[in-house]
């Protein structure tokens, strides 16, 4: 297992960043209808329609969309700070 800063596991950092992104997105969606709606402001990147590869026997469908909002970015930053202090 690879070690990051001060012998900490890189997998812990990856998990914390993912948790921070999910919680940030959740908070941004909750704030969408309130006076904190600016937290849900963001941009979506990715494929708007899925890419389909049909090989007669096997059909593969590829699709990825990522939505970054202010709350998501704040969640990731907080997760990195938590990682540095644990």
N, C-alpha and C. Protein backbone atom coordinates (compact mmCIF):
# COMPACT_ATOMS: atom_id res chain seq x y z
N UNK A 1 0.85 -1.17 0.00
CA UNK A 1 0.00 0.00 0.00
C UNK A 1 0.90 1.23 0.00
N UNK A 2 0.61 2.16 -0.89
CA UNK A 2 1.47 3.34 -0.98
C UNK A 2 1.18 4.31 0.16
N UNK A 3 2.21 5.00 0.56
CA UNK A 3 2.11 5.94 1.68
C UNK A 3 2.24 7.36 1.15
N UNK A 4 1.44 8.24 1.70
CA UNK A 4 1.46 9.65 1.29
C UNK A 4 2.22 10.48 2.30
N UNK A 5 1.64 11.60 2.68
CA UNK A 5 2.26 12.54 3.61
C UNK A 5 2.40 11.89 4.98
N UNK A 6 3.62 11.94 5.52
CA UNK A 6 3.93 11.45 6.87
C UNK A 6 3.50 10.00 7.08
N UNK A 7 3.60 9.16 6.05
CA UNK A 7 3.30 7.75 6.19
C UNK A 7 1.82 7.42 6.16
N UNK A 8 0.97 8.38 5.81
CA UNK A 8 -0.47 8.10 5.73
C UNK A 8 -0.78 7.41 4.41
N UNK A 9 -1.80 6.61 4.42
CA UNK A 9 -2.18 5.86 3.25
C UNK A 9 -2.83 6.77 2.20
N UNK A 10 -2.47 6.55 0.95
CA UNK A 10 -3.08 7.31 -0.15
C UNK A 10 -4.54 6.92 -0.32
N UNK A 11 -4.88 5.69 0.02
CA UNK A 11 -6.27 5.25 -0.10
C UNK A 11 -7.17 6.01 0.86
N UNK A 12 -6.65 6.37 2.01
CA UNK A 12 -7.43 7.17 2.97
C UNK A 12 -7.74 8.53 2.36
N UNK A 13 -6.76 9.14 1.71
CA UNK A 13 -6.98 10.42 1.05
C UNK A 13 -8.02 10.31 -0.05
N UNK A 14 -7.93 9.28 -0.87
CA UNK A 14 -8.89 9.09 -1.95
C UNK A 14 -10.29 8.93 -1.40
N UNK A 15 -10.44 8.12 -0.35
CA UNK A 15 -11.76 7.92 0.26
C UNK A 15 -12.30 9.21 0.88
N UNK A 16 -11.44 9.96 1.56
CA UNK A 16 -11.89 11.22 2.15
C UNK A 16 -12.31 12.22 1.08
N UNK A 17 -11.58 12.29 -0.02
CA UNK A 17 -11.94 13.21 -1.10
C UNK A 17 -13.27 12.80 -1.72
N UNK A 18 -13.48 11.51 -1.93
CA UNK A 18 -14.76 11.05 -2.47
C UNK A 18 -15.91 11.33 -1.52
N UNK A 19 -15.70 11.09 -0.23
CA UNK A 19 -16.73 11.38 0.76
C UNK A 19 -17.02 12.88 0.81
N UNK A 20 -15.96 13.70 0.75
CA UNK A 20 -16.14 15.15 0.73
C UNK A 20 -16.91 15.62 -0.49
N UNK A 21 -16.63 15.03 -1.65
CA UNK A 21 -17.34 15.41 -2.87
C UNK A 21 -18.82 15.03 -2.79
N UNK A 22 -19.11 13.84 -2.28
CA UNK A 22 -20.50 13.39 -2.18
C UNK A 22 -21.27 14.24 -1.17
N UNK A 23 -20.67 14.47 0.00
CA UNK A 23 -21.34 15.30 1.01
C UNK A 23 -21.51 16.74 0.53
N UNK A 24 -20.51 17.27 -0.18
CA UNK A 24 -20.62 18.61 -0.73
C UNK A 24 -21.74 18.71 -1.75
N UNK A 25 -21.87 17.72 -2.61
CA UNK A 25 -22.95 17.70 -3.59
C UNK A 25 -24.31 17.60 -2.91
N UNK A 26 -24.38 16.78 -1.87
CA UNK A 26 -25.63 16.63 -1.12
C UNK A 26 -26.02 17.96 -0.47
N UNK A 27 -25.07 18.63 0.15
CA UNK A 27 -25.36 19.92 0.78
C UNK A 27 -25.73 20.96 -0.26
N UNK A 28 -25.06 20.94 -1.42
CA UNK A 28 -25.41 21.86 -2.50
C UNK A 28 -26.82 21.65 -3.00
N UNK A 29 -27.25 20.39 -3.13
CA UNK A 29 -28.61 20.10 -3.57
C UNK A 29 -29.63 20.52 -2.52
N UNK A 30 -29.30 20.34 -1.24
CA UNK A 30 -30.21 20.78 -0.18
C UNK A 30 -30.35 22.30 -0.16
N UNK A 31 -29.28 23.00 -0.47
CA UNK A 31 -29.28 24.46 -0.41
C UNK A 31 -29.87 25.10 -1.66
N UNK A 32 -30.23 24.30 -2.66
CA UNK A 32 -30.68 24.85 -3.95
C UNK A 32 -31.91 25.73 -3.82
N UNK A 33 -32.81 25.43 -2.92
CA UNK A 33 -34.05 26.20 -2.81
C UNK A 33 -34.01 27.27 -1.74
N UNK A 34 -32.88 27.50 -1.11
CA UNK A 34 -32.80 28.45 0.00
C UNK A 34 -31.97 29.66 -0.41
N UNK A 35 -31.66 30.48 0.59
CA UNK A 35 -30.85 31.66 0.32
C UNK A 35 -29.38 31.30 0.07
N UNK A 36 -29.01 30.04 0.29
CA UNK A 36 -27.66 29.56 0.02
C UNK A 36 -27.60 28.84 -1.33
N UNK A 37 -28.45 29.22 -2.27
CA UNK A 37 -28.50 28.54 -3.56
C UNK A 37 -27.21 28.71 -4.36
N UNK A 38 -26.39 29.70 -4.00
CA UNK A 38 -25.11 29.90 -4.68
C UNK A 38 -24.17 28.71 -4.46
N UNK A 39 -24.41 27.91 -3.41
CA UNK A 39 -23.58 26.73 -3.18
C UNK A 39 -23.77 25.67 -4.27
N UNK A 40 -24.94 25.70 -4.92
CA UNK A 40 -25.24 24.71 -5.95
C UNK A 40 -24.83 25.18 -7.34
N UNK A 41 -24.26 26.36 -7.45
CA UNK A 41 -23.81 26.87 -8.75
C UNK A 41 -22.58 26.08 -9.19
N UNK A 42 -22.60 25.60 -10.43
CA UNK A 42 -21.47 24.82 -10.89
C UNK A 42 -21.53 24.53 -12.37
N UNK A 43 -20.70 23.61 -12.79
CA UNK A 43 -20.56 23.24 -14.20
C UNK A 43 -20.55 21.72 -14.31
N UNK A 44 -21.16 21.22 -15.38
CA UNK A 44 -21.20 19.79 -15.66
C UNK A 44 -20.28 19.48 -16.83
N UNK A 45 -19.44 18.47 -16.65
CA UNK A 45 -18.51 18.02 -17.69
C UNK A 45 -18.82 16.57 -18.03
N UNK A 46 -18.58 16.19 -19.25
CA UNK A 46 -18.72 14.79 -19.62
C UNK A 46 -19.46 14.59 -20.92
N UNK A 47 -19.90 13.37 -21.13
CA UNK A 47 -20.64 13.01 -22.32
C UNK A 47 -22.12 13.30 -22.11
N UNK A 48 -22.73 14.08 -23.01
CA UNK A 48 -24.15 14.38 -22.86
C UNK A 48 -25.01 13.19 -23.27
N UNK A 49 -24.54 12.42 -24.23
CA UNK A 49 -25.22 11.18 -24.59
C UNK A 49 -24.19 10.05 -24.53
N UNK A 50 -24.61 8.88 -24.11
CA UNK A 50 -23.65 7.78 -23.95
C UNK A 50 -23.06 7.34 -25.30
N UNK A 51 -21.84 6.87 -25.24
CA UNK A 51 -21.15 6.32 -26.39
C UNK A 51 -21.43 4.82 -26.42
N UNK A 52 -22.01 4.33 -27.52
CA UNK A 52 -22.40 2.93 -27.63
C UNK A 52 -21.51 2.24 -28.65
N UNK A 53 -20.93 1.13 -28.24
CA UNK A 53 -20.11 0.30 -29.12
C UNK A 53 -20.84 -1.04 -29.29
N UNK A 54 -21.39 -1.25 -30.47
CA UNK A 54 -22.17 -2.46 -30.74
C UNK A 54 -21.32 -3.41 -31.59
N UNK A 55 -20.99 -4.58 -31.02
CA UNK A 55 -20.17 -5.56 -31.72
C UNK A 55 -20.97 -6.83 -32.03
N UNK A 56 -22.25 -6.68 -32.21
CA UNK A 56 -23.19 -7.75 -32.55
C UNK A 56 -23.38 -8.74 -31.41
N UNK A 57 -22.32 -9.28 -30.86
CA UNK A 57 -22.43 -10.22 -29.76
C UNK A 57 -22.46 -9.49 -28.42
N UNK A 58 -21.74 -8.39 -28.36
CA UNK A 58 -21.59 -7.64 -27.13
C UNK A 58 -21.81 -6.16 -27.40
N UNK A 59 -22.58 -5.52 -26.57
CA UNK A 59 -22.80 -4.08 -26.70
C UNK A 59 -22.28 -3.40 -25.44
N UNK A 60 -21.37 -2.46 -25.64
CA UNK A 60 -20.80 -1.70 -24.53
C UNK A 60 -21.32 -0.27 -24.60
N UNK A 61 -21.71 0.25 -23.46
CA UNK A 61 -22.17 1.62 -23.37
C UNK A 61 -21.29 2.37 -22.39
N UNK A 62 -20.69 3.47 -22.85
CA UNK A 62 -19.80 4.28 -22.04
C UNK A 62 -20.46 5.63 -21.79
N UNK A 63 -20.40 6.07 -20.56
CA UNK A 63 -20.92 7.38 -20.23
C UNK A 63 -20.36 7.86 -18.91
N UNK A 64 -20.02 9.14 -18.86
CA UNK A 64 -19.49 9.72 -17.64
C UNK A 64 -19.86 11.19 -17.61
N UNK A 65 -20.46 11.62 -16.53
CA UNK A 65 -20.79 13.02 -16.34
C UNK A 65 -20.39 13.41 -14.93
N UNK A 66 -19.67 14.52 -14.81
CA UNK A 66 -19.23 15.01 -13.51
C UNK A 66 -19.78 16.41 -13.32
N UNK A 67 -20.42 16.64 -12.19
CA UNK A 67 -20.96 17.97 -11.89
C UNK A 67 -20.18 18.55 -10.71
N UNK A 68 -19.43 19.62 -10.97
CA UNK A 68 -18.71 20.32 -9.92
C UNK A 68 -19.50 21.56 -9.53
N UNK A 69 -19.76 21.68 -8.25
CA UNK A 69 -20.40 22.88 -7.73
C UNK A 69 -19.50 23.49 -6.65
N UNK A 70 -19.88 24.65 -6.19
CA UNK A 70 -19.10 25.31 -5.14
C UNK A 70 -19.09 24.45 -3.89
N UNK A 71 -20.22 23.86 -3.54
CA UNK A 71 -20.29 23.01 -2.35
C UNK A 71 -19.42 21.76 -2.51
N UNK A 72 -19.36 21.20 -3.71
CA UNK A 72 -18.51 20.03 -3.96
C UNK A 72 -17.05 20.38 -3.77
N UNK A 73 -16.63 21.51 -4.31
CA UNK A 73 -15.24 21.94 -4.17
C UNK A 73 -14.90 22.21 -2.71
N UNK A 74 -15.82 22.85 -1.98
CA UNK A 74 -15.60 23.10 -0.55
C UNK A 74 -15.50 21.78 0.22
N UNK A 75 -16.32 20.79 -0.13
CA UNK A 75 -16.26 19.48 0.52
C UNK A 75 -14.93 18.79 0.28
N UNK A 76 -14.39 18.90 -0.94
CA UNK A 76 -13.10 18.30 -1.25
C UNK A 76 -11.98 19.00 -0.48
N UNK A 77 -12.04 20.33 -0.41
CA UNK A 77 -11.01 21.09 0.33
C UNK A 77 -11.04 20.74 1.81
N UNK A 78 -12.23 20.63 2.39
CA UNK A 78 -12.35 20.26 3.81
C UNK A 78 -11.81 18.85 4.03
N UNK A 79 -12.08 17.93 3.09
CA UNK A 79 -11.57 16.56 3.21
C UNK A 79 -10.05 16.53 3.19
N UNK A 80 -9.43 17.36 2.35
CA UNK A 80 -7.96 17.40 2.30
C UNK A 80 -7.40 17.97 3.60
N UNK A 81 -8.05 18.99 4.16
CA UNK A 81 -7.60 19.53 5.44
C UNK A 81 -7.73 18.49 6.56
N UNK A 82 -8.81 17.73 6.55
CA UNK A 82 -8.99 16.67 7.55
C UNK A 82 -7.88 15.63 7.40
N UNK A 83 -7.53 15.28 6.18
CA UNK A 83 -6.47 14.31 5.94
C UNK A 83 -5.14 14.80 6.47
N UNK A 84 -4.86 16.08 6.30
CA UNK A 84 -3.58 16.62 6.76
C UNK A 84 -3.48 16.68 8.28
N UNK A 85 -4.62 16.76 8.97
CA UNK A 85 -4.59 16.90 10.41
C UNK A 85 -4.85 15.62 11.18
N UNK A 86 -5.15 14.51 10.48
CA UNK A 86 -5.33 13.24 11.19
C UNK A 86 -4.05 12.45 11.19
